[in-house]
N, C-alpha and C. Protein backbone atom coordinates (compact mmCIF):
# COMPACT_ATOMS: atom_id res chain seq x y z
N MET A 1 0.83 -1.21 0.00
CA MET A 1 0.00 0.00 0.00
C MET A 1 0.87 1.26 0.00
N ILE A 2 0.39 2.33 -0.64
CA ILE A 2 1.08 3.61 -0.63
C ILE A 2 0.83 4.29 0.71
N SER A 3 1.89 4.87 1.30
CA SER A 3 1.78 5.50 2.61
C SER A 3 1.75 7.01 2.50
N PHE A 4 1.02 7.66 3.41
CA PHE A 4 0.97 9.11 3.46
C PHE A 4 2.03 9.60 4.43
N PRO A 5 2.90 10.55 4.03
CA PRO A 5 4.00 11.02 4.88
C PRO A 5 3.53 11.98 5.98
N LEU A 6 3.31 11.47 7.16
CA LEU A 6 2.85 12.28 8.28
C LEU A 6 3.90 13.33 8.67
N GLU A 7 5.16 13.10 8.29
CA GLU A 7 6.22 14.04 8.65
C GLU A 7 5.98 15.42 8.07
N GLN A 8 5.22 15.50 6.99
CA GLN A 8 5.00 16.78 6.32
C GLN A 8 3.93 17.63 6.99
N VAL A 9 3.22 17.06 7.94
CA VAL A 9 2.13 17.79 8.60
C VAL A 9 2.68 18.58 9.78
N ARG A 10 2.50 19.87 9.75
CA ARG A 10 2.89 20.75 10.86
C ARG A 10 1.67 21.23 11.65
N THR A 11 0.55 21.45 10.92
CA THR A 11 -0.67 21.93 11.55
C THR A 11 -1.83 21.06 11.11
N LEU A 12 -2.59 20.57 12.06
CA LEU A 12 -3.71 19.67 11.80
C LEU A 12 -4.99 20.29 12.33
N LEU A 13 -6.02 20.32 11.48
CA LEU A 13 -7.34 20.81 11.87
C LEU A 13 -8.32 19.65 11.84
N VAL A 14 -9.04 19.43 12.94
CA VAL A 14 -10.08 18.40 12.97
C VAL A 14 -11.40 19.08 13.32
N VAL A 15 -12.44 18.80 12.55
CA VAL A 15 -13.73 19.44 12.77
C VAL A 15 -14.83 18.39 12.91
N GLY A 16 -15.78 18.65 13.78
CA GLY A 16 -16.89 17.75 13.98
C GLY A 16 -18.17 18.51 14.22
N ALA A 17 -19.27 17.97 13.78
CA ALA A 17 -20.56 18.64 13.97
C ALA A 17 -20.99 18.62 15.43
N HIS A 18 -20.87 17.44 16.06
CA HIS A 18 -21.38 17.26 17.41
C HIS A 18 -20.27 16.87 18.39
N ALA A 19 -20.62 16.83 19.65
CA ALA A 19 -19.63 16.69 20.71
C ALA A 19 -18.77 15.43 20.60
N ASP A 20 -19.30 14.34 20.08
CA ASP A 20 -18.54 13.09 20.06
C ASP A 20 -18.10 12.66 18.66
N ASP A 21 -18.37 13.46 17.64
CA ASP A 21 -18.12 13.03 16.27
C ASP A 21 -16.64 12.81 15.97
N ILE A 22 -15.79 13.73 16.38
CA ILE A 22 -14.37 13.59 16.11
C ILE A 22 -13.83 12.32 16.74
N GLU A 23 -14.21 12.09 18.00
CA GLU A 23 -13.71 10.92 18.71
C GLU A 23 -14.15 9.62 18.04
N ILE A 24 -15.42 9.57 17.60
CA ILE A 24 -15.93 8.36 16.94
C ILE A 24 -15.25 8.17 15.59
N GLY A 25 -15.15 9.25 14.82
CA GLY A 25 -14.66 9.13 13.46
C GLY A 25 -13.17 8.96 13.33
N CYS A 26 -12.40 9.67 14.19
CA CYS A 26 -10.94 9.60 14.02
C CYS A 26 -10.19 9.68 15.35
N GLY A 27 -10.84 9.27 16.43
CA GLY A 27 -10.20 9.34 17.74
C GLY A 27 -8.92 8.53 17.85
N ALA A 28 -8.91 7.32 17.30
CA ALA A 28 -7.71 6.48 17.36
C ALA A 28 -6.61 7.06 16.48
N THR A 29 -6.99 7.68 15.38
CA THR A 29 -6.01 8.33 14.52
C THR A 29 -5.34 9.48 15.25
N ILE A 30 -6.13 10.27 15.98
CA ILE A 30 -5.56 11.36 16.78
C ILE A 30 -4.59 10.82 17.82
N LEU A 31 -4.97 9.73 18.49
CA LEU A 31 -4.08 9.13 19.48
C LEU A 31 -2.81 8.61 18.84
N GLU A 32 -2.93 8.01 17.66
CA GLU A 32 -1.76 7.50 16.95
C GLU A 32 -0.84 8.66 16.53
N ILE A 33 -1.42 9.73 16.01
CA ILE A 33 -0.62 10.89 15.61
C ILE A 33 0.07 11.51 16.81
N SER A 34 -0.61 11.55 17.94
CA SER A 34 0.00 12.15 19.14
C SER A 34 1.24 11.39 19.59
N LYS A 35 1.28 10.09 19.29
CA LYS A 35 2.47 9.29 19.62
C LYS A 35 3.61 9.57 18.65
N ARG A 36 3.27 9.68 17.38
CA ARG A 36 4.30 9.85 16.34
C ARG A 36 4.76 11.30 16.21
N ARG A 37 3.81 12.25 16.33
CA ARG A 37 4.12 13.66 16.08
C ARG A 37 3.47 14.56 17.14
N PRO A 38 3.93 14.48 18.37
CA PRO A 38 3.35 15.34 19.41
C PRO A 38 3.65 16.82 19.19
N ASP A 39 4.56 17.13 18.26
CA ASP A 39 4.92 18.52 17.97
C ASP A 39 3.95 19.20 17.02
N ILE A 40 3.01 18.44 16.46
CA ILE A 40 2.03 19.03 15.54
C ILE A 40 1.16 20.04 16.27
N ASN A 41 0.87 21.16 15.61
CA ASN A 41 -0.08 22.14 16.12
C ASN A 41 -1.48 21.68 15.76
N LEU A 42 -2.31 21.37 16.74
CA LEU A 42 -3.62 20.79 16.48
C LEU A 42 -4.74 21.71 16.93
N ARG A 43 -5.71 21.92 16.04
CA ARG A 43 -6.93 22.68 16.34
C ARG A 43 -8.12 21.72 16.27
N TRP A 44 -8.93 21.69 17.31
CA TRP A 44 -10.06 20.77 17.46
C TRP A 44 -11.33 21.62 17.54
N VAL A 45 -12.23 21.51 16.56
CA VAL A 45 -13.39 22.40 16.50
C VAL A 45 -14.68 21.58 16.48
N VAL A 46 -15.57 21.87 17.41
CA VAL A 46 -16.88 21.22 17.51
C VAL A 46 -17.96 22.29 17.31
N PHE A 47 -18.90 22.03 16.42
CA PHE A 47 -19.87 23.07 16.06
C PHE A 47 -21.15 23.03 16.90
N SER A 48 -21.47 21.92 17.52
CA SER A 48 -22.67 21.85 18.35
C SER A 48 -22.31 21.24 19.70
N GLY A 49 -22.15 22.11 20.68
CA GLY A 49 -21.85 21.64 22.03
C GLY A 49 -22.30 22.67 23.04
N ASN A 50 -23.32 22.37 23.80
CA ASN A 50 -23.75 23.30 24.85
C ASN A 50 -24.27 22.50 26.03
N GLY A 51 -24.31 23.16 27.19
CA GLY A 51 -24.76 22.48 28.40
C GLY A 51 -23.88 21.31 28.75
N SER A 52 -24.52 20.20 29.11
CA SER A 52 -23.77 19.01 29.51
C SER A 52 -22.95 18.45 28.35
N ARG A 53 -23.43 18.62 27.12
CA ARG A 53 -22.70 18.13 25.95
C ARG A 53 -21.39 18.91 25.77
N ALA A 54 -21.39 20.19 26.10
CA ALA A 54 -20.16 20.98 26.03
C ALA A 54 -19.14 20.49 27.04
N ASN A 55 -19.61 20.17 28.23
CA ASN A 55 -18.70 19.64 29.26
C ASN A 55 -18.12 18.30 28.82
N GLU A 56 -18.96 17.45 28.24
CA GLU A 56 -18.47 16.17 27.73
C GLU A 56 -17.40 16.39 26.67
N ALA A 57 -17.67 17.32 25.75
CA ALA A 57 -16.74 17.57 24.65
C ALA A 57 -15.40 18.08 25.16
N ARG A 58 -15.41 19.01 26.10
CA ARG A 58 -14.16 19.57 26.63
C ARG A 58 -13.34 18.51 27.35
N GLN A 59 -13.99 17.73 28.20
CA GLN A 59 -13.26 16.72 28.96
C GLN A 59 -12.70 15.64 28.05
N SER A 60 -13.48 15.24 27.05
CA SER A 60 -13.01 14.23 26.12
C SER A 60 -11.83 14.74 25.30
N ALA A 61 -11.96 15.92 24.73
CA ALA A 61 -10.87 16.49 23.94
C ALA A 61 -9.61 16.61 24.78
N GLY A 62 -9.77 16.99 26.04
CA GLY A 62 -8.61 17.13 26.92
C GLY A 62 -7.81 15.85 27.04
N GLU A 63 -8.50 14.72 27.13
CA GLU A 63 -7.78 13.44 27.25
C GLU A 63 -7.22 12.97 25.91
N PHE A 64 -7.95 13.16 24.83
CA PHE A 64 -7.45 12.75 23.53
C PHE A 64 -6.22 13.56 23.12
N LEU A 65 -6.12 14.80 23.58
CA LEU A 65 -5.06 15.69 23.14
C LEU A 65 -3.94 15.87 24.15
N THR A 66 -3.93 15.04 25.17
CA THR A 66 -2.98 15.20 26.27
C THR A 66 -1.53 15.32 25.81
N ASP A 67 -1.13 14.53 24.82
CA ASP A 67 0.28 14.45 24.44
C ASP A 67 0.72 15.51 23.43
N PHE A 68 -0.21 16.28 22.89
CA PHE A 68 0.17 17.31 21.93
C PHE A 68 0.75 18.52 22.65
N GLN A 69 1.85 19.02 22.13
CA GLN A 69 2.51 20.17 22.75
C GLN A 69 1.77 21.46 22.48
N SER A 70 1.09 21.55 21.33
CA SER A 70 0.35 22.75 20.96
C SER A 70 -1.05 22.35 20.51
N GLN A 71 -2.06 22.81 21.22
CA GLN A 71 -3.43 22.39 20.93
C GLN A 71 -4.39 23.51 21.28
N GLN A 72 -5.53 23.52 20.61
CA GLN A 72 -6.59 24.48 20.91
C GLN A 72 -7.93 23.83 20.62
N VAL A 73 -8.85 23.92 21.56
CA VAL A 73 -10.19 23.36 21.41
C VAL A 73 -11.19 24.50 21.32
N GLN A 74 -12.03 24.47 20.27
CA GLN A 74 -13.07 25.47 20.08
C GLN A 74 -14.44 24.79 20.05
N LEU A 75 -15.36 25.28 20.87
CA LEU A 75 -16.71 24.76 20.91
C LEU A 75 -17.69 25.85 20.50
N HIS A 76 -18.62 25.49 19.61
CA HIS A 76 -19.69 26.40 19.21
C HIS A 76 -21.03 25.80 19.65
N ASP A 77 -22.09 26.60 19.61
CA ASP A 77 -23.37 26.15 20.16
C ASP A 77 -24.49 26.15 19.12
N PHE A 78 -24.18 25.76 17.90
CA PHE A 78 -25.23 25.63 16.90
C PHE A 78 -26.16 24.48 17.27
N SER A 79 -27.40 24.56 16.82
CA SER A 79 -28.44 23.62 17.26
C SER A 79 -28.30 22.26 16.59
N ASP A 80 -28.20 21.23 17.38
CA ASP A 80 -28.11 19.86 16.89
C ASP A 80 -29.33 19.54 16.02
N GLY A 81 -29.07 19.09 14.78
CA GLY A 81 -30.15 18.71 13.88
C GLY A 81 -30.65 19.82 12.97
N TYR A 82 -30.19 21.06 13.19
CA TYR A 82 -30.72 22.20 12.44
C TYR A 82 -29.65 22.95 11.65
N PHE A 83 -28.52 22.31 11.37
CA PHE A 83 -27.43 23.01 10.71
C PHE A 83 -27.83 23.64 9.37
N PRO A 84 -28.59 22.93 8.51
CA PRO A 84 -28.95 23.57 7.23
C PRO A 84 -29.66 24.91 7.40
N ALA A 85 -30.46 25.04 8.45
CA ALA A 85 -31.16 26.29 8.70
C ALA A 85 -30.23 27.39 9.20
N GLU A 86 -29.05 27.00 9.67
CA GLU A 86 -28.08 27.96 10.20
C GLU A 86 -26.87 28.07 9.29
N TRP A 87 -27.07 27.77 8.01
CA TRP A 87 -25.97 27.71 7.04
C TRP A 87 -25.12 28.98 7.06
N SER A 88 -25.74 30.14 7.02
CA SER A 88 -25.01 31.39 6.92
C SER A 88 -24.10 31.61 8.11
N ASP A 89 -24.61 31.38 9.31
CA ASP A 89 -23.82 31.59 10.52
C ASP A 89 -22.68 30.58 10.61
N ILE A 90 -22.96 29.32 10.22
CA ILE A 90 -21.91 28.31 10.26
C ILE A 90 -20.83 28.62 9.23
N LYS A 91 -21.25 29.08 8.05
CA LYS A 91 -20.28 29.48 7.03
C LYS A 91 -19.40 30.61 7.54
N SER A 92 -19.98 31.59 8.21
CA SER A 92 -19.20 32.70 8.76
C SER A 92 -18.20 32.21 9.79
N THR A 93 -18.61 31.21 10.57
CA THR A 93 -17.70 30.62 11.56
C THR A 93 -16.52 29.96 10.86
N PHE A 94 -16.79 29.25 9.77
CA PHE A 94 -15.72 28.63 8.99
C PHE A 94 -14.77 29.70 8.43
N GLU A 95 -15.32 30.81 7.95
CA GLU A 95 -14.47 31.85 7.38
C GLU A 95 -13.57 32.47 8.44
N ARG A 96 -14.09 32.64 9.64
CA ARG A 96 -13.24 33.15 10.74
C ARG A 96 -12.16 32.13 11.08
N LEU A 97 -12.52 30.86 11.04
CA LEU A 97 -11.56 29.81 11.32
C LEU A 97 -10.43 29.83 10.30
N LYS A 98 -10.79 30.01 9.04
CA LYS A 98 -9.79 30.02 7.97
C LYS A 98 -8.77 31.13 8.16
N LYS A 99 -9.20 32.27 8.70
CA LYS A 99 -8.29 33.39 8.89
C LYS A 99 -7.31 33.14 10.04
N SER A 100 -7.62 32.16 10.88
CA SER A 100 -6.81 31.94 12.08
C SER A 100 -5.87 30.74 11.97
N ILE A 101 -5.97 29.97 10.88
CA ILE A 101 -5.17 28.75 10.79
C ILE A 101 -4.94 28.39 9.33
N GLN A 102 -3.76 27.84 9.05
CA GLN A 102 -3.45 27.34 7.72
C GLN A 102 -3.00 25.88 7.86
N PRO A 103 -3.95 24.96 7.91
CA PRO A 103 -3.61 23.56 8.19
C PRO A 103 -2.99 22.85 6.99
N ASP A 104 -2.09 21.92 7.28
CA ASP A 104 -1.53 21.05 6.25
C ASP A 104 -2.45 19.87 5.99
N LEU A 105 -3.27 19.53 6.98
CA LEU A 105 -4.20 18.41 6.87
C LEU A 105 -5.46 18.74 7.64
N ILE A 106 -6.62 18.40 7.05
CA ILE A 106 -7.91 18.61 7.71
C ILE A 106 -8.66 17.28 7.75
N LEU A 107 -9.20 16.95 8.91
CA LEU A 107 -10.06 15.78 9.06
C LEU A 107 -11.47 16.28 9.31
N THR A 108 -12.42 15.83 8.48
CA THR A 108 -13.80 16.29 8.58
C THR A 108 -14.76 15.14 8.28
N HIS A 109 -16.06 15.43 8.26
CA HIS A 109 -17.07 14.42 8.03
C HIS A 109 -17.08 13.91 6.58
N TYR A 110 -17.53 12.69 6.41
CA TYR A 110 -17.75 12.08 5.10
C TYR A 110 -18.82 12.87 4.36
N GLY A 111 -18.53 13.25 3.12
CA GLY A 111 -19.44 14.09 2.37
C GLY A 111 -20.78 13.47 2.03
N GLN A 112 -20.89 12.13 2.07
CA GLN A 112 -22.15 11.46 1.77
C GLN A 112 -22.80 10.87 3.02
N ASP A 113 -22.42 11.40 4.16
CA ASP A 113 -23.06 11.02 5.42
C ASP A 113 -24.54 11.38 5.36
N PHE A 114 -25.41 10.51 5.84
CA PHE A 114 -26.85 10.75 5.78
C PHE A 114 -27.34 11.78 6.82
N HIS A 115 -26.53 12.09 7.82
CA HIS A 115 -26.95 13.08 8.81
C HIS A 115 -26.72 14.48 8.22
N GLN A 116 -27.76 15.29 8.21
CA GLN A 116 -27.68 16.60 7.56
C GLN A 116 -26.62 17.50 8.18
N ASP A 117 -26.43 17.43 9.49
CA ASP A 117 -25.40 18.26 10.13
C ASP A 117 -24.00 17.85 9.67
N HIS A 118 -23.78 16.54 9.61
CA HIS A 118 -22.48 16.03 9.17
C HIS A 118 -22.18 16.45 7.74
N ARG A 119 -23.18 16.31 6.87
CA ARG A 119 -22.99 16.67 5.46
C ARG A 119 -22.65 18.14 5.30
N LEU A 120 -23.32 18.98 6.08
CA LEU A 120 -23.09 20.42 5.95
C LEU A 120 -21.69 20.79 6.41
N VAL A 121 -21.23 20.19 7.49
CA VAL A 121 -19.86 20.46 7.95
C VAL A 121 -18.85 20.03 6.89
N SER A 122 -19.08 18.88 6.28
CA SER A 122 -18.19 18.43 5.21
C SER A 122 -18.23 19.41 4.03
N GLU A 123 -19.43 19.80 3.63
CA GLU A 123 -19.59 20.73 2.51
C GLU A 123 -18.85 22.04 2.76
N LEU A 124 -19.00 22.60 3.96
CA LEU A 124 -18.39 23.88 4.26
C LEU A 124 -16.89 23.77 4.49
N THR A 125 -16.43 22.60 4.91
CA THR A 125 -14.98 22.38 5.00
C THR A 125 -14.37 22.53 3.61
N TRP A 126 -14.96 21.85 2.62
CA TRP A 126 -14.46 21.92 1.26
C TRP A 126 -14.67 23.31 0.65
N ASN A 127 -15.79 23.91 0.97
CA ASN A 127 -16.11 25.23 0.44
C ASN A 127 -15.17 26.31 0.95
N THR A 128 -14.70 26.14 2.18
CA THR A 128 -13.87 27.15 2.82
C THR A 128 -12.38 26.93 2.59
N PHE A 129 -11.94 25.68 2.72
CA PHE A 129 -10.52 25.36 2.57
C PHE A 129 -10.31 24.75 1.19
N ARG A 130 -9.97 25.58 0.22
CA ARG A 130 -9.96 25.18 -1.18
C ARG A 130 -8.61 24.63 -1.63
N ASP A 131 -7.56 24.84 -0.86
CA ASP A 131 -6.22 24.45 -1.28
C ASP A 131 -5.52 23.66 -0.19
N HIS A 132 -6.25 22.70 0.38
CA HIS A 132 -5.74 21.94 1.51
C HIS A 132 -6.05 20.45 1.31
N LEU A 133 -5.26 19.62 1.97
CA LEU A 133 -5.54 18.19 1.94
C LEU A 133 -6.63 17.89 2.96
N ILE A 134 -7.75 17.36 2.49
CA ILE A 134 -8.90 17.07 3.35
C ILE A 134 -9.21 15.58 3.29
N LEU A 135 -9.29 14.95 4.45
CA LEU A 135 -9.68 13.55 4.56
C LEU A 135 -10.99 13.48 5.34
N GLU A 136 -11.91 12.64 4.89
CA GLU A 136 -13.24 12.56 5.49
C GLU A 136 -13.37 11.27 6.31
N TYR A 137 -13.76 11.42 7.57
CA TYR A 137 -13.94 10.25 8.43
C TYR A 137 -15.39 9.79 8.43
N GLU A 138 -15.63 8.62 8.95
CA GLU A 138 -16.97 8.01 8.91
C GLU A 138 -17.54 7.85 10.32
N ILE A 139 -18.88 7.92 10.40
CA ILE A 139 -19.60 7.75 11.66
C ILE A 139 -20.63 6.63 11.48
N PRO A 140 -20.49 5.50 12.16
CA PRO A 140 -21.51 4.45 12.05
C PRO A 140 -22.79 4.89 12.72
N LYS A 141 -23.93 4.50 12.12
CA LYS A 141 -25.21 4.92 12.69
C LYS A 141 -26.36 4.08 12.13
N TYR A 142 -27.54 4.32 12.62
CA TYR A 142 -28.75 3.60 12.21
C TYR A 142 -29.01 3.72 10.72
N ASP A 143 -28.66 4.85 10.13
CA ASP A 143 -29.00 5.14 8.74
C ASP A 143 -28.33 4.21 7.73
N GLY A 144 -27.25 3.56 8.11
CA GLY A 144 -26.59 2.63 7.20
C GLY A 144 -25.94 3.31 6.01
N ASP A 145 -25.08 4.31 6.28
CA ASP A 145 -24.49 5.08 5.19
C ASP A 145 -23.00 4.83 5.00
N LEU A 146 -22.48 3.74 5.55
CA LEU A 146 -21.06 3.46 5.37
C LEU A 146 -20.76 3.16 3.92
N GLY A 147 -19.65 3.68 3.43
CA GLY A 147 -19.27 3.50 2.04
C GLY A 147 -18.00 2.67 1.89
N GLN A 148 -17.24 2.97 0.84
CA GLN A 148 -16.00 2.28 0.56
C GLN A 148 -14.84 3.26 0.66
N PRO A 149 -14.25 3.40 1.83
CA PRO A 149 -13.15 4.34 2.02
C PRO A 149 -11.92 3.92 1.22
N ASN A 150 -11.04 4.89 0.99
CA ASN A 150 -9.86 4.60 0.18
C ASN A 150 -8.54 5.01 0.84
N LEU A 151 -8.59 5.37 2.12
CA LEU A 151 -7.37 5.69 2.85
C LEU A 151 -7.54 5.20 4.29
N TYR A 152 -6.49 4.63 4.84
CA TYR A 152 -6.60 3.99 6.16
C TYR A 152 -5.48 4.44 7.09
N MET A 153 -5.79 4.47 8.37
CA MET A 153 -4.79 4.69 9.41
C MET A 153 -4.76 3.46 10.30
N PRO A 154 -3.81 2.54 10.10
CA PRO A 154 -3.68 1.40 11.01
C PRO A 154 -3.32 1.90 12.41
N VAL A 155 -3.90 1.31 13.42
CA VAL A 155 -3.62 1.74 14.80
C VAL A 155 -3.36 0.51 15.66
N GLU A 156 -2.60 0.72 16.72
CA GLU A 156 -2.32 -0.36 17.65
C GLU A 156 -3.60 -0.77 18.37
N GLU A 157 -3.68 -2.03 18.74
CA GLU A 157 -4.87 -2.51 19.44
C GLU A 157 -5.11 -1.75 20.73
N LYS A 158 -4.04 -1.39 21.44
CA LYS A 158 -4.24 -0.68 22.70
C LYS A 158 -4.82 0.71 22.48
N LEU A 159 -4.53 1.33 21.32
CA LEU A 159 -5.12 2.63 21.02
C LEU A 159 -6.58 2.49 20.60
N CYS A 160 -6.89 1.39 19.93
CA CYS A 160 -8.29 1.10 19.62
C CYS A 160 -9.09 1.01 20.93
N ARG A 161 -8.55 0.28 21.89
CA ARG A 161 -9.25 0.12 23.17
C ARG A 161 -9.30 1.44 23.93
N GLN A 162 -8.21 2.20 23.87
CA GLN A 162 -8.18 3.49 24.56
C GLN A 162 -9.24 4.43 24.01
N LYS A 163 -9.35 4.50 22.67
CA LYS A 163 -10.38 5.33 22.05
C LYS A 163 -11.76 4.97 22.59
N ILE A 164 -12.09 3.68 22.59
CA ILE A 164 -13.42 3.25 23.02
C ILE A 164 -13.63 3.52 24.50
N ASP A 165 -12.60 3.26 25.32
CA ASP A 165 -12.70 3.53 26.74
C ASP A 165 -13.02 5.01 26.99
N LEU A 166 -12.35 5.89 26.26
CA LEU A 166 -12.58 7.32 26.44
C LEU A 166 -13.97 7.74 25.98
N LEU A 167 -14.44 7.15 24.88
CA LEU A 167 -15.79 7.43 24.41
C LEU A 167 -16.83 7.05 25.47
N LEU A 168 -16.70 5.87 26.01
CA LEU A 168 -17.68 5.40 26.99
C LEU A 168 -17.57 6.17 28.30
N LYS A 169 -16.38 6.66 28.60
CA LYS A 169 -16.16 7.42 29.84
C LYS A 169 -16.72 8.83 29.75
N HIS A 170 -16.51 9.49 28.61
CA HIS A 170 -16.78 10.92 28.54
C HIS A 170 -18.14 11.28 27.96
N PHE A 171 -18.86 10.32 27.41
CA PHE A 171 -20.16 10.64 26.80
C PHE A 171 -21.29 9.81 27.41
N PRO A 172 -21.53 9.97 28.71
CA PRO A 172 -22.61 9.23 29.36
C PRO A 172 -23.98 9.56 28.79
N SER A 173 -24.14 10.75 28.21
CA SER A 173 -25.43 11.14 27.64
C SER A 173 -25.80 10.28 26.44
N GLN A 174 -24.83 9.58 25.86
CA GLN A 174 -25.09 8.78 24.67
C GLN A 174 -25.22 7.29 24.94
N LEU A 175 -25.00 6.88 26.17
CA LEU A 175 -24.93 5.45 26.47
C LEU A 175 -26.26 4.72 26.29
N ASP A 176 -27.36 5.46 26.26
CA ASP A 176 -28.66 4.80 26.08
C ASP A 176 -28.98 4.55 24.61
N LYS A 177 -28.15 5.03 23.71
CA LYS A 177 -28.37 4.79 22.29
C LYS A 177 -27.91 3.37 21.94
N PRO A 178 -28.73 2.62 21.20
CA PRO A 178 -28.41 1.21 20.96
C PRO A 178 -27.13 0.99 20.15
N TRP A 179 -26.67 2.01 19.40
CA TRP A 179 -25.47 1.85 18.57
C TRP A 179 -24.20 2.31 19.26
N PHE A 180 -24.35 3.00 20.39
CA PHE A 180 -23.19 3.58 21.06
C PHE A 180 -22.62 2.57 22.06
N ASP A 181 -21.84 1.62 21.54
CA ASP A 181 -21.27 0.63 22.45
C ASP A 181 -19.93 0.11 21.92
N ARG A 182 -19.24 -0.60 22.77
CA ARG A 182 -17.89 -1.09 22.46
C ARG A 182 -17.88 -2.01 21.25
N GLU A 183 -18.85 -2.90 21.16
CA GLU A 183 -18.86 -3.88 20.06
C GLU A 183 -18.91 -3.19 18.70
N LEU A 184 -19.75 -2.17 18.56
CA LEU A 184 -19.87 -1.50 17.27
C LEU A 184 -18.58 -0.77 16.91
N PHE A 185 -18.04 0.02 17.84
CA PHE A 185 -16.83 0.78 17.54
C PHE A 185 -15.65 -0.14 17.23
N GLN A 186 -15.50 -1.18 18.03
CA GLN A 186 -14.39 -2.10 17.79
C GLN A 186 -14.60 -2.91 16.52
N GLY A 187 -15.85 -3.30 16.25
CA GLY A 187 -16.14 -4.09 15.06
C GLY A 187 -15.83 -3.34 13.78
N LEU A 188 -16.17 -2.04 13.73
CA LEU A 188 -15.88 -1.26 12.54
C LEU A 188 -14.37 -1.10 12.35
N MET A 189 -13.66 -0.87 13.43
CA MET A 189 -12.21 -0.72 13.32
C MET A 189 -11.53 -2.04 12.94
N ARG A 190 -12.11 -3.14 13.38
CA ARG A 190 -11.55 -4.45 12.98
C ARG A 190 -11.79 -4.69 11.49
N LEU A 191 -12.98 -4.34 11.00
CA LEU A 191 -13.27 -4.49 9.57
C LEU A 191 -12.33 -3.63 8.74
N ARG A 192 -12.15 -2.37 9.11
CA ARG A 192 -11.25 -1.50 8.36
C ARG A 192 -9.80 -1.99 8.48
N GLY A 193 -9.46 -2.58 9.59
CA GLY A 193 -8.13 -3.15 9.72
C GLY A 193 -7.91 -4.31 8.78
N ALA A 194 -8.94 -5.13 8.60
CA ALA A 194 -8.84 -6.25 7.65
C ALA A 194 -8.70 -5.74 6.23
N GLU A 195 -9.39 -4.65 5.90
CA GLU A 195 -9.36 -4.12 4.54
C GLU A 195 -7.98 -3.58 4.15
N CYS A 196 -7.21 -3.12 5.13
CA CYS A 196 -5.89 -2.57 4.82
C CYS A 196 -4.75 -3.44 5.34
N ALA A 197 -5.08 -4.66 5.78
CA ALA A 197 -4.07 -5.58 6.31
C ALA A 197 -3.25 -4.92 7.41
N ALA A 198 -3.93 -4.28 8.34
CA ALA A 198 -3.26 -3.59 9.43
C ALA A 198 -2.46 -4.57 10.28
N PRO A 199 -1.20 -4.27 10.59
CA PRO A 199 -0.35 -5.20 11.35
C PRO A 199 -0.96 -5.64 12.67
N GLN A 200 -1.67 -4.72 13.36
CA GLN A 200 -2.28 -5.08 14.64
C GLN A 200 -3.81 -5.20 14.54
N ARG A 201 -4.30 -5.38 13.29
CA ARG A 201 -5.67 -5.80 13.04
C ARG A 201 -6.71 -4.67 13.07
N TYR A 202 -6.35 -3.47 13.51
CA TYR A 202 -7.33 -2.41 13.63
C TYR A 202 -6.92 -1.18 12.82
N ALA A 203 -7.92 -0.43 12.36
CA ALA A 203 -7.65 0.79 11.60
C ALA A 203 -8.89 1.68 11.59
N GLU A 204 -8.67 2.97 11.34
CA GLU A 204 -9.75 3.88 11.01
C GLU A 204 -9.64 4.21 9.54
N ALA A 205 -10.78 4.51 8.92
CA ALA A 205 -10.81 4.70 7.47
C ALA A 205 -11.28 6.11 7.11
N PHE A 206 -10.77 6.58 5.96
CA PHE A 206 -11.07 7.92 5.49
C PHE A 206 -11.34 7.90 3.99
N TYR A 207 -11.95 8.98 3.53
CA TYR A 207 -12.18 9.17 2.11
C TYR A 207 -11.29 10.32 1.65
N ALA A 208 -10.37 10.03 0.73
CA ALA A 208 -9.52 11.05 0.14
C ALA A 208 -10.14 11.44 -1.19
N ARG A 209 -11.04 12.42 -1.15
CA ARG A 209 -11.81 12.78 -2.33
C ARG A 209 -10.95 13.41 -3.43
N LYS A 210 -9.97 14.24 -3.01
CA LYS A 210 -9.14 14.92 -3.99
C LYS A 210 -7.75 15.14 -3.39
N ALA A 211 -6.73 14.76 -4.14
CA ALA A 211 -5.35 14.95 -3.70
C ALA A 211 -4.45 15.00 -4.90
N CYS A 212 -3.28 15.64 -4.73
CA CYS A 212 -2.31 15.75 -5.83
C CYS A 212 -1.04 14.99 -5.48
N ILE A 213 -0.42 14.41 -6.51
CA ILE A 213 0.89 13.82 -6.36
C ILE A 213 1.91 14.93 -6.62
N VAL A 214 2.74 15.22 -5.64
CA VAL A 214 3.72 16.30 -5.78
C VAL A 214 5.09 15.68 -6.06
N PRO A 215 5.74 16.05 -7.16
CA PRO A 215 7.05 15.46 -7.49
C PRO A 215 8.13 15.92 -6.51
């Protein structure tokens, strides 16, 4: 398999619609990167987090980002489920974000995600950051919208378990949802690990919609 050179990344931007999206979609990747490149400047942006969900998001991000030397967490309070109706304000937030950071790599939602909030965040990521490498992560859910990813991050088994432990620890508000459990998160990572022949059997998957080969 062709490998992506993580050494070239100096600034990483990760964006999520809701309080737990980043952790579900690319939490193990963040943990893996923190081991390999703790010197990366990381910006973590959540667009819908208020009340108890904001507290969950802050505490979770704090543990996922412990090893990074330079990090910043931003929480916004857009209404869960109503992002299309708040398009203008969310777009303005993205434009302000663009003025404050020039990332070498962006992790965002899968563009064909069935959740309207997820799709809008993906759309505005691409709309705002026009000259950046963008990888789209996936969120398993009832809607059944998983696709065929084309880029993988193999992760150690202990990081797979750490990601899930942190999810279950920091998001008690989600534990009553039938899909929010260890078996689902681990099962998806095991499947993606099989698809990329991951040495330790687990991986997270991304969609690389557009990229250039640089000589």
